[in-house]
Protein backbone atom coordinates (compact mmCIF):
# COMPACT_ATOMS: atom_id res chain seq x y z
CA MET A 1 18.54 -63.32 -45.36
CA MET A 2 19.27 -59.48 -45.22
CA ILE A 3 16.71 -58.89 -47.48
CA MET A 4 14.32 -60.65 -45.56
CA HIS A 5 15.08 -59.33 -42.25
CA TYR A 6 14.73 -55.24 -44.07
CA PHE A 7 11.23 -56.35 -44.99
CA ALA A 8 10.36 -58.07 -41.65
CA LYS A 9 11.21 -54.96 -39.73
CA HIS A 10 9.02 -52.50 -41.56
CA THR A 11 5.55 -54.72 -41.85
CA HIS A 12 2.69 -55.37 -39.66
CA ILE A 13 1.00 -58.44 -38.62
CA PRO A 14 -0.73 -59.18 -42.29
CA LEU A 15 2.69 -59.94 -44.07
CA LEU A 16 4.50 -61.48 -40.79
CA LEU A 17 2.81 -64.89 -41.71
CA PHE A 18 4.04 -64.33 -45.00
CA PHE A 19 7.37 -63.85 -44.15
CA PHE A 20 7.16 -66.97 -41.10
CA CYS A 21 6.34 -69.56 -43.91
CA PHE A 22 9.24 -68.02 -46.21
CA MET A 23 11.76 -68.64 -43.19
CA THR A 24 10.77 -72.06 -42.26
CA ALA A 25 11.02 -73.18 -45.84
CA CYS A 26 14.37 -71.74 -46.28
CA SER A 27 15.79 -73.26 -43.32
CA GLY A 28 14.95 -76.50 -43.94
CA GLU A 29 14.01 -77.42 -40.50
CA ASP A 30 10.97 -78.47 -39.19
CA ASN A 31 10.87 -77.83 -35.56
CA PRO A 32 9.49 -73.74 -35.62
CA VAL A 33 12.29 -71.09 -33.83
CA THR A 34 11.40 -70.24 -30.47
CA PRO A 35 10.56 -66.52 -30.20
CA GLU A 36 12.84 -64.22 -28.21
CA ILE A 37 12.08 -60.48 -28.01
CA ILE A 38 14.15 -58.28 -25.52
CA PRO A 39 13.69 -54.34 -25.28
CA ALA A 40 16.32 -52.49 -24.33
CA LYS A 41 14.12 -50.36 -21.56
CA SER A 42 11.37 -50.65 -20.43
CA GLU A 43 10.49 -47.38 -19.96
CA LEU A 44 10.83 -44.17 -21.72
CA VAL A 45 10.74 -40.72 -20.15
CA PHE A 46 10.27 -37.82 -21.98
CA ALA A 47 10.45 -34.57 -20.40
CA LYS A 48 7.31 -31.90 -20.98
CA ALA A 49 8.81 -30.34 -23.83
CA GLY A 50 8.71 -33.68 -26.16
CA GLY A 51 11.45 -35.01 -28.36
CA THR A 52 12.42 -38.28 -29.70
CA GLU A 53 14.23 -41.34 -28.78
CA ILE A 54 15.43 -44.96 -30.28
CA LEU A 55 14.07 -47.94 -28.90
CA SER A 56 16.16 -50.82 -29.73
CA VAL A 57 14.74 -54.58 -29.73
CA LYS A 58 16.71 -57.93 -30.07
CA SER A 59 14.55 -60.37 -31.96
CA ASN A 60 14.60 -63.43 -33.79
CA VAL A 61 11.38 -63.39 -35.36
CA ALA A 62 9.55 -60.19 -37.17
CA LEU A 63 8.02 -57.66 -35.19
CA ASP A 64 4.88 -55.35 -35.26
CA VAL A 65 5.55 -52.65 -33.31
CA LYS A 66 2.91 -49.87 -32.35
CA SER A 67 2.16 -47.09 -30.08
CA GLU A 68 -1.13 -47.37 -28.21
CA ASP A 69 -1.81 -43.28 -28.45
CA GLU A 70 -0.51 -42.28 -31.50
CA ASN A 71 -1.76 -38.74 -31.48
CA TRP A 72 1.12 -37.73 -29.25
CA CYS A 73 3.36 -40.86 -28.94
CA ARG A 74 4.60 -41.98 -32.84
CA LEU A 75 7.00 -44.46 -33.82
CA ALA A 76 9.09 -44.88 -36.97
CA PRO A 77 11.77 -47.57 -38.21
CA ALA A 78 15.31 -47.36 -38.18
CA SER A 79 18.30 -48.20 -39.71
CA SER A 80 20.17 -51.10 -37.81
CA THR A 81 23.64 -51.98 -38.37
CA SER A 82 22.55 -56.09 -36.81
CA ALA A 83 20.13 -58.57 -38.19
CA ALA A 84 19.23 -59.22 -34.59
CA VAL A 85 18.71 -55.89 -33.32
CA TYR A 86 15.42 -53.55 -34.37
CA ARG A 87 15.55 -50.17 -33.76
CA TYR A 88 12.37 -47.19 -33.78
CA THR A 89 12.43 -43.63 -33.95
CA VAL A 90 10.06 -42.83 -30.98
CA THR A 91 8.62 -39.08 -31.02
CA VAL A 92 6.60 -37.53 -28.52
CA ASP A 93 4.56 -34.24 -28.49
CA ALA A 94 5.13 -31.19 -25.97
CA ASN A 95 2.58 -31.93 -23.20
CA PRO A 96 -0.04 -29.43 -23.12
CA GLU A 97 -1.72 -30.78 -20.30
CA THR A 98 -1.09 -30.38 -16.10
CA ASN A 99 -1.09 -34.00 -15.68
CA ASP A 100 1.93 -35.91 -16.73
CA ARG A 101 0.58 -38.95 -19.41
CA SER A 102 1.73 -42.04 -20.06
CA THR A 103 1.01 -44.58 -23.04
CA THR A 104 2.45 -48.02 -24.22
CA ILE A 105 4.62 -49.43 -27.03
CA THR A 106 3.61 -53.12 -28.30
CA VAL A 107 6.45 -54.92 -29.37
CA LYS A 108 4.50 -58.25 -30.78
CA GLY A 109 6.62 -61.54 -32.97
CA ALA A 110 5.12 -64.64 -33.01
CA THR A 111 3.54 -65.83 -29.84
CA VAL A 112 5.40 -63.39 -27.84
CA THR A 113 4.52 -59.96 -26.32
CA GLN A 114 6.28 -57.17 -24.51
CA THR A 115 5.32 -53.67 -23.77
CA VAL A 116 7.32 -50.47 -23.07
CA ASN A 117 5.99 -47.77 -20.85
CA VAL A 118 6.02 -44.03 -22.29
CA VAL A 119 6.21 -41.68 -19.53
CA GLN A 120 6.01 -37.61 -20.16
CA THR A 121 6.39 -34.62 -17.10
CA ALA A 122 3.23 -32.45 -17.27
CA ALA A 123 3.51 -28.96 -18.88
CA ASP A 124 3.46 -25.92 -16.61
CA GLY A 125 0.16 -26.06 -15.05
CA LEU A 126 -1.66 -23.51 -13.75
CA ILE A 127 -5.47 -23.76 -12.42
CA VAL A 128 -7.39 -21.33 -10.01
CA ALA A 129 -10.92 -21.89 -8.91
CA PRO A 130 -12.91 -19.66 -9.06
CA THR A 131 -11.81 -16.78 -11.12
CA VAL A 132 -14.42 -14.39 -10.16
CA PHE A 133 -16.17 -13.39 -6.81
CA ASN A 134 -19.20 -11.48 -7.27
CA GLU A 135 -21.23 -9.38 -5.38
CA VAL A 136 -18.33 -9.84 -2.03
CA SER A 137 -19.74 -7.94 0.78
CA GLY A 138 -19.41 -4.43 1.51
CA GLU A 139 -18.55 -5.21 5.29
CA GLY A 140 -15.22 -6.65 4.38
CA THR A 141 -14.68 -11.08 4.05
CA ARG A 142 -12.29 -13.10 3.46
CA ILE A 143 -12.24 -15.32 -0.10
CA GLU A 144 -10.53 -18.45 -0.90
CA VAL A 145 -8.57 -19.36 -3.88
CA LYS A 146 -7.69 -23.01 -4.84
CA VAL A 147 -4.43 -23.29 -6.97
CA THR A 148 -3.83 -25.94 -9.02
CA THR A 149 -0.09 -26.42 -10.12
CA ASN A 150 2.88 -28.01 -10.24
CA GLY A 151 5.55 -25.28 -9.69
CA THR A 152 6.17 -22.36 -7.53
CA VAL A 153 3.42 -19.69 -8.20
CA ASN A 154 4.05 -15.82 -7.58
CA VAL A 155 0.60 -14.27 -6.55
CA THR A 156 0.37 -10.53 -7.21
CA ILE A 157 -1.94 -8.58 -5.10
CA ASN A 158 -3.04 -5.93 -7.82
CA ASP A 159 -5.22 -3.72 -5.04
CA SER A 160 -4.15 -2.84 -1.27
CA TRP A 161 -7.93 -3.73 0.15
CA ILE A 162 -7.49 -6.82 -0.66
CA THR A 163 -4.81 -9.00 1.48
CA SER A 164 -2.53 -12.18 2.19
CA VAL A 165 -3.64 -14.25 4.48
CA SER A 166 -0.44 -16.77 5.49
CA ASN A 167 -1.53 -20.39 4.68
CA ARG A 168 -1.33 -22.71 7.82
CA ALA A 169 0.80 -25.93 7.64
CA ALA A 170 -2.10 -28.22 8.52
CA MET A 171 -3.74 -27.49 5.38
CA THR A 172 -3.76 -30.26 3.06
CA GLU A 173 -5.05 -28.57 -0.17
CA GLN A 174 -3.29 -25.78 -1.52
CA ALA A 175 -5.71 -22.82 -1.22
CA MET A 176 -4.50 -19.39 -0.64
CA ALA A 177 -6.50 -17.27 1.13
CA PHE A 178 -6.94 -13.09 1.36
CA ASN A 179 -8.81 -10.62 3.09
CA VAL A 180 -11.29 -8.30 1.20
CA ALA A 181 -11.31 -4.79 3.84
CA ALA A 182 -14.93 -2.94 4.19
CA ASN A 183 -15.71 -1.02 1.43
CA TYR A 184 -18.30 1.86 2.54
CA GLY A 185 -17.53 3.92 -0.81
CA ALA A 186 -18.76 2.89 -4.38
CA PRO A 187 -18.51 -0.83 -5.44
CA ARG A 188 -15.20 -1.77 -7.16
CA THR A 189 -13.44 -4.18 -8.50
CA GLY A 190 -9.78 -5.42 -7.84
CA SER A 191 -8.12 -8.58 -8.85
CA ILE A 192 -5.25 -11.07 -7.90
CA THR A 193 -2.78 -12.67 -10.55
CA PHE A 194 -1.21 -15.73 -10.28
CA THR A 195 1.86 -16.52 -12.22
CA LEU A 196 4.00 -19.72 -13.10
CA GLY A 197 6.44 -19.29 -15.53
CA ASP A 198 5.03 -17.97 -18.91
CA LEU A 199 1.09 -18.86 -17.51
CA THR A 200 -0.65 -16.21 -15.79
CA GLU A 201 -4.24 -16.98 -14.49
CA THR A 202 -6.13 -13.92 -12.76
CA VAL A 203 -8.73 -13.71 -10.31
CA THR A 204 -11.47 -11.06 -10.19
CA VAL A 205 -13.01 -9.66 -7.33
CA HIS A 206 -16.13 -7.72 -7.40
CA GLN A 207 -17.08 -6.21 -4.32
CA LEU A 208 -20.36 -4.29 -2.91
CA ALA A 209 -20.69 -1.02 -0.91
CA ALA A 210 -21.87 -1.12 2.55
CA ASN A 211 -23.58 1.03 4.68
CA ILE A 212 -21.35 2.83 7.13
CA PRO A 213 -22.28 1.19 10.23
CA ASP A 214 -23.65 3.36 13.24
CA ILE A 215 -19.72 2.75 15.03
CA GLY A 216 -18.58 6.23 16.03
CA MET A 217 -17.91 6.92 12.85
CA GLU A 218 -21.11 8.97 11.00
CA SER A 219 -19.45 12.20 10.63
CA ASP A 220 -17.80 13.11 7.18
CA ALA A 221 -15.43 15.49 6.78
CA VAL A 222 -17.59 18.73 6.81
CA GLU A 223 -19.52 17.26 9.28
CA LEU A 224 -16.37 16.55 11.54
CA ALA A 225 -14.49 19.88 10.90
CA ALA A 226 -17.70 21.55 12.71
CA LYS A 227 -17.43 19.62 15.42
CA MET A 228 -13.67 20.86 15.91
CA TYR A 229 -13.94 24.51 17.76
CA ALA A 230 -10.45 25.42 18.46
CA GLY A 231 -7.10 23.34 18.14
CA TRP A 232 -4.36 22.90 19.63
CA ASN A 233 -1.06 21.68 18.91
CA ILE A 234 1.56 19.86 21.50
CA GLY A 235 4.53 20.83 19.45
CA ASN A 236 7.95 20.58 20.06
CA THR A 237 7.60 17.03 22.10
CA LEU A 238 6.90 13.54 20.40
CA GLU A 239 8.07 15.06 17.49
CA ALA A 240 11.51 15.94 19.21
CA THR A 241 14.30 14.12 18.10
CA GLY A 242 16.24 12.05 20.50
CA GLY A 243 13.09 11.12 22.17
CA GLU A 244 9.70 13.24 23.84
CA THR A 245 11.24 15.42 26.30
CA ALA A 246 15.07 15.84 24.10
CA TRP A 247 13.87 19.45 23.51
CA GLY A 248 13.25 20.49 26.84
CA ASN A 249 9.44 19.87 27.50
CA PRO A 250 8.20 17.15 29.73
CA LYS A 251 6.15 14.06 29.00
CA ILE A 252 2.41 14.67 28.17
CA THR A 253 0.23 14.26 30.66
CA GLU A 254 -3.58 13.53 31.03
CA GLU A 255 -3.88 16.60 33.28
CA TYR A 256 -2.36 18.83 30.90
CA VAL A 257 -4.39 17.75 28.18
CA LYS A 258 -7.15 18.35 30.26
CA LYS A 259 -6.03 22.39 31.13
CA ILE A 260 -5.78 22.67 27.58
CA LYS A 261 -9.80 21.54 27.25
CA GLN A 262 -10.70 23.44 30.27
CA LEU A 263 -9.09 26.68 28.16
CA GLY A 264 -11.83 26.58 25.37
CA PHE A 265 -9.44 24.19 22.86
CA ASN A 266 -11.46 21.06 21.92
CA ALA A 267 -8.95 19.20 19.43
CA ILE A 268 -5.39 18.49 19.47
CA ARG A 269 -2.71 18.44 16.64
CA ILE A 270 -0.07 15.63 18.13
CA PRO A 271 3.25 16.14 15.90
CA CYS A 272 4.69 12.38 15.93
CA ALA A 273 8.21 11.01 14.92
CA TRP A 274 8.41 7.46 13.62
CA ASP A 275 11.94 7.23 11.86
CA GLN A 276 14.18 7.11 15.11
CA TYR A 277 11.80 4.40 16.50
CA ILE A 278 12.13 1.98 13.73
CA GLU A 279 14.06 -1.46 14.76
CA ASN A 280 14.07 -2.87 11.71
CA PRO A 281 14.59 -0.62 8.64
CA ALA A 282 14.21 -3.72 6.04
CA THR A 283 10.65 -3.92 6.96
CA HIS A 284 10.48 -0.25 8.92
CA GLU A 285 8.91 -1.85 11.84
CA ILE A 286 8.40 0.55 14.93
CA LYS A 287 8.86 -0.03 18.33
CA GLU A 288 5.73 -1.22 20.42
CA SER A 289 6.91 0.90 23.07
CA TRP A 290 6.37 3.62 20.89
CA LEU A 291 3.35 2.58 19.12
CA ASP A 292 2.04 2.33 22.70
CA ARG A 293 3.32 5.52 23.83
CA VAL A 294 1.42 7.87 21.14
CA ASN A 295 -1.30 5.21 21.95
CA GLU A 296 -1.37 6.49 25.35
CA VAL A 297 -1.38 10.29 24.62
CA VAL A 298 -4.32 10.07 22.02
CA GLY A 299 -5.73 8.30 24.59
CA TYR A 300 -6.11 11.06 26.76
CA CYS A 301 -7.40 12.96 24.02
CA VAL A 302 -10.21 10.93 23.48
CA ALA A 303 -10.99 10.13 27.07
CA ASN A 304 -11.88 13.83 27.56
CA ASP A 305 -13.95 14.23 24.56
CA MET A 306 -11.62 16.03 22.61
CA TYR A 307 -10.60 15.35 18.82
CA ALA A 308 -6.79 14.48 17.99
CA ILE A 309 -4.61 14.70 14.97
CA VAL A 310 -1.65 12.31 14.22
CA ASN A 311 0.64 12.83 11.67
CA ILE A 312 4.12 12.21 10.10
CA HIS A 313 6.01 15.01 11.30
CA TRP A 314 9.47 16.35 9.96
CA ASP A 315 11.00 13.34 11.05
CA GLY A 316 13.92 13.81 10.17
CA GLY A 317 13.16 14.79 6.60
CA TRP A 318 13.03 11.37 4.82
CA LEU A 319 9.64 12.38 3.44
CA GLU A 320 9.09 16.30 3.67
CA ASN A 321 12.48 16.89 1.84
CA ASN A 322 12.72 14.36 -0.98
CA CYS A 323 9.54 15.03 -2.86
CA THR A 324 11.31 13.84 -5.86
CA PRO A 325 11.52 11.38 -8.29
CA ASP A 326 14.59 9.21 -7.43
CA LYS A 327 12.80 9.01 -3.93
CA GLN A 328 9.54 8.39 -4.81
CA GLU A 329 9.89 4.39 -4.87
CA GLU A 330 11.53 3.96 -1.91
CA ASN A 331 9.64 6.75 0.54
CA ASN A 332 6.08 5.08 -0.86
CA GLU A 333 7.52 1.76 0.09
CA LYS A 334 8.03 3.21 3.63
CA GLN A 335 5.35 5.73 3.78
CA HIS A 336 3.19 2.23 3.21
CA ALA A 337 4.77 0.16 6.00
CA LEU A 338 4.52 3.41 8.70
CA TRP A 339 0.90 4.01 7.76
CA THR A 340 -0.13 0.53 7.78
CA GLN A 341 1.25 -0.03 11.54
CA ILE A 342 -0.03 3.32 13.17
CA ALA A 343 -3.31 2.78 11.65
CA ASN A 344 -3.32 -0.48 12.70
CA ARG A 345 -2.40 0.32 16.40
CA LEU A 346 -4.92 3.58 16.63
CA ASN A 347 -8.01 1.50 14.56
CA HIS A 348 -9.65 1.25 17.79
CA TYR A 349 -10.62 4.69 18.22
CA ASP A 350 -13.67 6.46 16.60
CA GLU A 351 -13.92 9.37 14.48
CA ARG A 352 -12.29 11.72 17.00
CA LEU A 353 -9.11 10.43 15.95
CA LEU A 354 -7.98 12.17 12.57
CA PHE A 355 -4.71 11.01 10.61
CA ALA A 356 -2.81 13.47 8.60
CA GLY A 357 -0.10 11.89 5.73
CA THR A 358 2.80 14.35 6.29
CA ASN A 359 3.50 17.87 7.66
CA GLU A 360 5.52 20.28 5.62
CA PRO A 361 6.42 18.75 2.64
CA ASN A 362 8.53 20.38 0.50
CA VAL A 363 7.77 21.34 -2.99
CA ASP A 364 8.67 24.07 -5.52
CA ASN A 365 7.14 22.96 -8.84
CA ALA A 366 4.95 20.09 -10.92
CA THR A 367 7.39 17.59 -11.02
CA GLU A 368 8.00 17.74 -7.43
CA MET A 369 3.99 17.87 -6.57
CA ALA A 370 3.17 14.42 -8.36
CA VAL A 371 5.31 12.94 -6.08
CA LEU A 372 3.74 14.72 -3.25
CA LYS A 373 0.45 13.47 -4.90
CA SER A 374 2.00 9.58 -4.41
CA TYR A 375 2.60 10.11 -0.84
CA LEU A 376 -0.61 11.02 0.03
CA GLN A 377 -2.14 8.43 -2.45
CA THR A 378 0.02 6.25 -0.36
CA PHE A 379 -1.28 7.11 2.82
CA ILE A 380 -5.02 6.74 2.09
CA ASP A 381 -4.59 3.70 0.70
CA ALA A 382 -2.41 2.22 3.39
CA VAL A 383 -5.08 3.57 6.02
CA ARG A 384 -8.18 2.55 4.43
CA ALA A 385 -6.63 -1.14 3.99
CA THR A 386 -6.90 -1.85 7.79
CA GLY A 387 -10.40 -1.72 7.19
CA GLY A 388 -12.37 -1.91 10.71
CA LYS A 389 -13.01 1.97 11.39
CA ASN A 390 -9.90 3.33 9.41
CA ALA A 391 -12.26 2.55 6.48
CA VAL A 392 -13.96 5.34 7.11
CA ARG A 393 -11.78 7.43 9.03
CA ASN A 394 -11.50 11.21 8.16
CA LEU A 395 -8.03 12.00 6.48
CA ILE A 396 -6.05 15.19 5.70
CA VAL A 397 -3.50 15.45 3.09
CA GLN A 398 -1.05 18.38 3.10
CA GLY A 399 -0.84 21.00 0.24
CA PRO A 400 2.94 21.89 -0.70
CA ASN A 401 4.96 23.43 1.95
CA THR A 402 1.67 23.85 3.62
CA ASP A 403 2.16 27.39 1.89
CA ILE A 404 -1.18 28.97 0.94
CA GLU A 405 -0.01 30.41 -2.11
CA ARG A 406 1.84 27.16 -3.33
CA THR A 407 -1.15 25.03 -2.61
CA ASN A 408 -3.67 27.11 -4.70
CA ASN A 409 -1.30 27.01 -8.20
CA LEU A 410 0.14 23.91 -7.35
CA PHE A 411 -2.13 21.17 -5.85
CA GLY A 412 -4.66 20.37 -8.62
CA GLU A 413 -7.22 17.65 -7.37
CA MET A 414 -7.94 15.89 -4.19
CA PRO A 415 -6.16 12.57 -4.22
CA THR A 416 -8.54 9.65 -4.91
CA ASP A 417 -10.14 7.90 -2.04
CA ILE A 418 -12.81 4.72 -2.31
CA VAL A 419 -14.97 6.56 0.29
CA SER A 420 -16.68 9.34 -0.53
CA ASN A 421 -16.52 13.18 1.72
CA ARG A 422 -13.93 11.61 4.19
CA LEU A 423 -10.99 14.03 3.16
CA MET A 424 -9.60 17.32 4.43
CA ALA A 425 -6.99 19.76 3.25
CA GLU A 426 -4.08 21.31 5.74
CA VAL A 427 -2.61 24.38 5.21
CA HIS A 428 -0.52 26.87 7.65
CA TYR A 429 -0.08 30.41 8.29
CA TYR A 430 3.02 32.37 9.43
CA THR A 431 2.40 35.24 7.14
CA PRO A 432 4.17 37.90 7.56
CA TRP A 433 7.13 35.51 8.61
CA SER A 434 9.01 38.44 9.80
CA PHE A 435 6.57 38.86 12.59
CA CYS A 436 5.07 35.88 13.32
CA GLY A 437 8.78 33.40 13.82
CA MET A 438 12.11 35.51 12.68
CA THR A 439 14.17 35.34 15.76
CA GLN A 440 17.29 37.50 14.23
CA ASP A 441 17.37 39.92 11.51
CA GLU A 442 18.75 38.53 8.16
CA SER A 443 20.18 39.46 4.51
CA TRP A 444 16.30 39.20 3.20
CA GLY A 445 14.40 40.88 5.42
CA ARG A 446 14.10 42.20 9.31
CA MET A 447 11.89 41.10 12.41
CA ALA A 448 8.81 43.01 12.70
CA TYR A 449 7.77 43.41 16.44
CA PHE A 450 4.35 45.33 15.82
CA TRP A 451 1.08 44.31 13.49
CA GLY A 452 -2.58 45.58 13.12
CA ASP A 453 -3.58 48.34 14.88
CA HIS A 454 -0.42 48.23 17.80
CA LEU A 455 2.05 49.87 14.86
CA VAL A 456 4.41 52.23 16.50
CA SER A 457 4.78 55.53 14.93
CA GLY A 458 8.31 55.84 13.36
CA SER A 459 9.44 52.58 14.42
CA ASP A 460 11.80 50.57 12.01
CA ARG A 461 9.72 47.34 13.09
CA ASN A 462 6.41 47.77 12.14
CA SER A 463 5.33 44.77 10.20
CA THR A 464 5.22 45.82 6.00
CA SER A 465 3.34 42.86 4.91
CA GLY A 466 1.08 40.19 5.37
CA ASP A 467 -1.98 42.60 6.72
CA LEU A 468 -6.05 41.94 7.38
CA THR A 469 -6.61 42.26 3.63
CA GLU A 470 -3.35 40.28 2.77
CA MET A 471 -4.66 37.36 4.98
CA ARG A 472 -8.42 37.76 3.76
CA SER A 473 -7.39 37.03 0.30
CA LEU A 474 -5.38 33.92 1.32
CA PHE A 475 -7.65 32.54 3.38
CA ALA A 476 -10.37 33.06 0.23
CA LYS A 477 -7.98 31.72 -2.25
CA MET A 478 -8.34 28.52 0.74
CA LYS A 479 -12.29 28.45 0.92
CA ALA A 480 -12.55 28.91 -3.34
CA LYS A 481 -10.28 26.03 -3.52
CA PHE A 482 -11.39 23.41 -1.00
CA VAL A 483 -14.06 24.44 1.10
CA ASP A 484 -16.94 25.94 -1.40
CA LYS A 485 -16.52 21.84 -2.37
CA GLY A 486 -17.26 20.62 0.64
CA ILE A 487 -13.61 19.74 1.42
CA PRO A 488 -12.48 21.19 4.66
CA VAL A 489 -9.02 22.88 5.40
CA ILE A 490 -6.88 22.15 8.40
CA LEU A 491 -4.96 25.43 9.53
CA GLY A 492 -2.60 22.85 11.04
CA GLU A 493 0.05 25.46 12.59
CA TYR A 494 -0.46 29.38 12.91
CA GLY A 495 0.08 32.05 15.74
CA ALA A 496 2.69 34.78 16.32
CA ILE A 497 5.07 32.54 18.16
CA THR A 498 7.99 34.77 18.56
CA ILE A 499 7.68 36.78 21.55
CA ARG A 500 9.76 39.71 21.92
CA THR A 501 11.22 41.16 25.31
CA GLY A 502 12.93 44.35 26.34
CA LEU A 503 11.18 46.56 24.55
CA GLY A 504 11.03 49.06 27.08
CA VAL A 505 7.47 51.61 26.74
CA ASN A 506 6.67 49.93 23.48
CA GLN A 507 6.71 46.35 25.34
CA GLU A 508 2.59 46.73 25.19
CA ALA A 509 2.47 47.56 21.51
CA HIS A 510 4.27 44.06 21.14
CA ASP A 511 2.30 42.30 23.69
CA LYS A 512 -1.56 43.59 21.73
CA SER A 513 0.25 43.09 18.44
CA ARG A 514 0.55 39.31 19.03
CA GLU A 515 -2.91 39.08 20.82
CA GLN A 516 -4.56 40.80 17.51
CA TYR A 517 -2.69 39.36 15.13
CA ASP A 518 -3.77 35.47 17.19
CA GLU A 519 -7.55 36.44 17.29
CA ILE A 520 -7.66 38.03 13.79
CA VAL A 521 -5.65 35.05 12.00
CA THR A 522 -8.65 32.17 14.67
CA ARG A 523 -11.50 34.48 13.70
CA GLU A 524 -10.74 34.76 10.03
CA ALA A 525 -9.85 31.13 9.25
CA LYS A 526 -13.06 30.02 10.94
CA ASN A 527 -14.72 32.54 9.00
CA HIS A 528 -13.14 31.14 5.95
CA GLY A 529 -14.01 27.04 6.02
CA LEU A 530 -10.56 26.56 8.38
CA VAL A 531 -10.49 24.96 11.18
CA PRO A 532 -7.63 26.88 13.12
CA PHE A 533 -4.74 24.87 15.19
CA TYR A 534 -2.41 27.26 17.12
CA TRP A 535 0.97 26.25 17.02
CA GLU A 536 2.23 25.72 20.54
CA THR A 537 5.57 24.47 21.87
CA GLY A 538 5.58 25.10 25.98
CA HIS A 539 5.79 28.91 26.21
CA VAL A 540 1.74 29.73 26.50
CA VAL A 541 0.75 27.20 29.08
CA ASN A 542 3.35 25.44 31.71
CA ARG A 543 3.02 21.60 30.99
CA ASN A 544 4.07 21.02 34.01
CA THR A 545 1.98 22.98 36.14
CA GLY A 546 -0.86 24.11 33.74
CA GLU A 547 -0.39 27.63 34.77
CA ILE A 548 -0.75 30.22 31.56
CA LYS A 549 2.49 32.05 30.95
CA ASP A 550 1.32 34.00 27.92
CA ASN A 551 -2.34 35.12 28.33
CA TYR A 552 -1.84 37.72 25.42
CA ALA A 553 -2.18 34.65 23.12
CA ILE A 554 -4.88 32.67 25.18
CA ASN A 555 -6.78 36.00 25.04
CA GLY A 556 -6.46 36.48 21.23
CA ILE A 557 -7.11 32.90 20.36
CA THR A 558 -10.20 32.69 22.59
CA LYS A 559 -11.62 35.74 21.32
CA GLY A 560 -11.04 34.61 17.64
CA ALA A 561 -13.04 31.20 18.24
CA ARG A 562 -15.94 33.08 19.97
CA ASP A 563 -16.19 35.80 16.86
CA GLY A 564 -15.98 32.90 14.58
CA LYS A 565 -18.44 31.77 12.14
CA TYR A 566 -17.20 28.20 11.38
CA PRO A 567 -19.08 26.54 10.64
CA PHE A 568 -21.06 29.26 8.00
């Protein structure tokens, strides 16, 4: 009977009748056997990777066992130590599908049929649709991607002008929404990457270019620069460490801004600190009250039909003193976060507001220049990504140390921008420093009191550098590098800002030296395509009363602005 059992376990239905007759004849019994078939399990569960499992079936009759889907679930006889138990190896292939799958193992013997369910979980599945968005409106829009998956998907947005929209809890479908910012440059292509384990799907976004709408942003960089007659800095105020009044100046009022306009200036540079107003270091979140205050001061300017420049000034030096590879990633993250907030808060202003990415970034070589370029690129990309008027706002990027020679030698090409002709460059001019800003003698040089046509015969305080010839040579370099290529240059700071007193009979020579210097720098800057912004910290105009404290500076600047030929 053991031989008969072996054969019975390895046959299908055509042989079963033979063995059934043989067993009946050998038993010597007239009554047939009552079939009994008992599978050890009613269900076999396999992971997505597949595998094998033993199925045991207790039976007193020969069996026919088969899988209903042999493409992925197959059976083979296995040895058994019991004459009453049949054993089968069930082999399941890996599941390449994104859905669970199932089949049935049918166990038949005599008149009895039993079934065993086979269930296999799905492979990691990731389906996104659509995978391409063509001819997306240049004015910006919202796109929606439907995601089918059985796992947690990581989403990577590869372009700053595409941003994620938070899904609402009430949504019944797994749909992910994304905002596409307005595009007023050339047509562009971006992508969104969805990742689940080793699976990756990419959605490609092809966006058209839009025409710049009539929203008060019509002027490109050259046109806008031509509208700025003469500029003024509100220095040592909103950038002051410890608060707006910490460095001895009062809070800026609209009356003060009106006074500056009355003096002939139609543009104001507003140096700003931001780091000290961060309330969440993890996200670099800026205090709403400070964003509101900067917005208020910008409003004073725009309400009086003046142009305003907002920057991230020295700000503790977190960026300006760290144009180094080891700080690059960290600072770019912060730069992006800050400018996203600044740009969003001030987005409602028209073209009369400009943004400047840094102030005087310290750069000595090509390696540091490359890091600075990344900071400036992050600034541009962050502002553009906020959309609205910022999508076409004129932006200002700074040369290394805002020094003309270094900028000429190290700066190279401008950063990239999705909008054509909306970038300006910035340098500063305090040459010679011994005359413009030095407050005490140093080992490397002595203070100069007299300049230009007002040198004092026999004095050891006459300026020996930075004459008109050198000035014109330096400004000409900026004209050739930028202006002649359609890139205006902002002369963000300049001036003979150190006032010497107690000089007796030579006092007028000093005062006239400063007046002439301010006049010539203003004039020559405009003649070379540089828009001049005088550096003022409260020493020229009383910020409480509006009274002029330094007529020499005012007379020099305003005469130079009248004589300058910009736009030329």
